[in-house]
C-alpha atoms as a PDB file:
ATOM      1  CA  MET A   1      87.408 108.713 106.566  1.00  0.00           C
ATOM      2  CA  ASN A   2      90.052 109.708 103.869  1.00  0.00           C
ATOM      3  CA  VAL A   3      91.442 106.859 101.602  1.00  0.00           C
ATOM      4  CA  HIS A   4      95.000 106.922 100.934  1.00  0.00           C
ATOM      5  CA  HIS A   5      97.579 105.343  99.486  1.00  0.00           C
ATOM      6  CA  ILE A   6      95.079 104.302  96.428  1.00  0.00           C
ATOM      7  CA  HIS A   7      96.749 102.117  93.350  1.00  0.00           C
ATOM      8  CA  ALA A   8      95.179  99.863  90.889  1.00  0.00           C
ATOM      9  CA  TRP A   9      96.725  98.061  88.084  1.00  0.00           C
ATOM     10  CA  SER A  10      95.873  95.676  85.170  1.00  0.00           C
ATOM     11  CA  ILE A  11      96.858  92.258  85.373  1.00  0.00           C
ATOM     12  CA  THR A  12      95.817  90.965  82.377  1.00  0.00           C
ATOM     13  CA  PRO A  13      92.712  92.683  80.374  1.00  0.00           C
ATOM     14  CA  GLY A  14      89.446  92.644  82.145  1.00  0.00           C
ATOM     15  CA  VAL A  15      91.645  91.001  85.394  1.00  0.00           C
ATOM     16  CA  ASN A  16      92.442  94.618  87.541  1.00  0.00           C
ATOM     17  CA  ILE A  17      93.854  94.639  91.048  1.00  0.00           C
ATOM     18  CA  PHE A  18      93.058  97.722  93.742  1.00  0.00           C
ATOM     19  CA  SER A  19      95.035  98.585  96.740  1.00  0.00           C
ATOM     20  CA  THR A  20      94.052 101.347  99.433  1.00  0.00           C
ATOM     21  CA  HIS A  21      94.197 102.327 102.926  1.00  0.00           C
ATOM     22  CA  VAL A  22      91.553 103.184 104.687  1.00  0.00           C
ATOM     23  CA  HIS A  23      91.984 106.112 107.801  1.00  0.00           C
ATOM     24  CA  THR A  24      89.148 105.746 110.672  1.00  0.00           C
ATOM     25  CA  ASP A  25      88.915 107.469 114.127  1.00  0.00           C
ATOM     26  CA  ASP A  26      86.746 103.556 114.875  1.00  0.00           C
ATOM     27  CA  LEU A  27      88.687 100.714 114.324  1.00  0.00           C
ATOM     28  CA  SER A  28      85.827  98.491 115.730  1.00  0.00           C
ATOM     29  CA  LYS A  29      84.801  99.583 112.287  1.00  0.00           C
ATOM     30  CA  THR A  30      87.041  97.809 110.655  1.00  0.00           C
ATOM     31  CA  ASP A  31      85.358  94.912 109.471  1.00  0.00           C
ATOM     32  CA  ASP A  32      82.702  96.924 107.875  1.00  0.00           C
ATOM     33  CA  ILE A  33      84.528  99.157 106.421  1.00  0.00           C
ATOM     34  CA  LEU A  34      86.678  96.517 104.178  1.00  0.00           C
ATOM     35  CA  GLN A  35      83.406  94.740 103.631  1.00  0.00           C
ATOM     36  CA  LYS A  36      81.680  97.776 102.288  1.00  0.00           C
ATOM     37  CA  ALA A  37      84.547  98.666 100.366  1.00  0.00           C
ATOM     38  CA  THR A  38      85.175  95.785  98.855  1.00  0.00           C
ATOM     39  CA  LYS A  39      82.003  94.781  97.784  1.00  0.00           C
ATOM     40  CA  MET A  40      82.088  98.024  95.877  1.00  0.00           C
ATOM     41  CA  LEU A  41      85.470  97.678  94.463  1.00  0.00           C
ATOM     42  CA  LYS A  42      84.279  94.285  92.921  1.00  0.00           C
ATOM     43  CA  GLU A  43      80.349  95.019  91.901  1.00  0.00           C
ATOM     44  CA  GLU A  44      80.732  99.116  91.091  1.00  0.00           C
ATOM     45  CA  PHE A  45      84.435  99.172  89.275  1.00  0.00           C
ATOM     46  CA  ASP A  46      84.622  95.886  88.228  1.00  0.00           C
ATOM     47  CA  PHE A  47      88.339  95.321  90.733  1.00  0.00           C
ATOM     48  CA  TYR A  48      88.904  91.767  89.966  1.00  0.00           C
ATOM     49  CA  PHE A  49      90.920  91.837  93.517  1.00  0.00           C
ATOM     50  CA  SER A  50      91.887  94.131  96.456  1.00  0.00           C
ATOM     51  CA  THR A  51      93.698  94.877  99.469  1.00  0.00           C
ATOM     52  CA  ILE A  52      92.079  97.168 101.470  1.00  0.00           C
ATOM     53  CA  GLN A  53      94.394  98.682 104.532  1.00  0.00           C
ATOM     54  CA  VAL A  54      91.777 100.096 107.318  1.00  0.00           C
ATOM     55  CA  GLU A  55      94.035 102.444 109.783  1.00  0.00           C
ATOM     56  CA  LYS A  56      94.271 104.891 112.697  1.00  0.00           C
ATOM     57  CA  GLU A  57      96.822 106.449 111.844  1.00  0.00           C
ATOM     58  CA  CYS A  58      98.937 106.700 108.391  1.00  0.00           C
ATOM     59  CA  VAL A  59     102.305 106.033 109.324  1.00  0.00           C
ATOM     60  CA  ASP A  60     104.078 106.734 106.197  1.00  0.00           C
ATOM     61  CA  ILE A  61     102.565 109.746 105.497  1.00  0.00           C
ATOM     62  CA  ALA A  62     105.829 111.549 105.137  1.00  0.00           C
ATOM     63  CA  GLU A  63     106.830 108.571 102.068  1.00  0.00           C
ATOM     64  CA  ALA A  64     103.493 109.538 100.850  1.00  0.00           C
ATOM     65  CA  ALA A  65     103.759 112.982 100.621  1.00  0.00           C
ATOM     66  CA  ASP A  66     106.564 112.730  98.776  1.00  0.00           C
ATOM     67  CA  ILE A  67     104.617 110.474  95.702  1.00  0.00           C
ATOM     68  CA  ASP A  68     101.574 112.943  95.823  1.00  0.00           C
ATOM     69  CA  ILE A  69     100.898 113.168  92.578  1.00  0.00           C
ATOM     70  CA  THR A  70      98.166 116.040  93.137  1.00  0.00           C
ATOM     71  CA  LYS A  71     100.718 118.435  94.955  1.00  0.00           C
ATOM     72  CA  GLU A  72     103.078 120.649  93.221  1.00  0.00           C
ATOM     73  CA  ARG A  73     106.358 119.952  93.819  1.00  0.00           C
ATOM     74  CA  LYS A  74     109.706 121.269  93.415  1.00  0.00           C
ATOM     75  CA  ARG A  75     111.860 119.523  91.181  1.00  0.00           C
ATOM     76  CA  GLN A  76     115.465 118.093  93.087  1.00  0.00           C
ATOM     77  CA  GLU A  77     118.417 118.877  91.327  1.00  0.00           C
ATOM     78  CA  THR A  78     121.056 115.955  91.248  1.00  0.00           C
END
């Protein structure tokens, strides 16, 4: 399992929102993944609301690589 496309933001002070994609090879565990992840985000990190997309394949992996801040990128000339 891996987590990618992570986005977190604050709507107002104390109202934090989270969204992510979770990759799994076993989609039969989708409900369990959603319940555990939602509970963890609320109880351990105090997110007011979360959206979690469980997927077997990331369909927009190229776009994700373009904005991956953990990787060094060459600056494009315009």
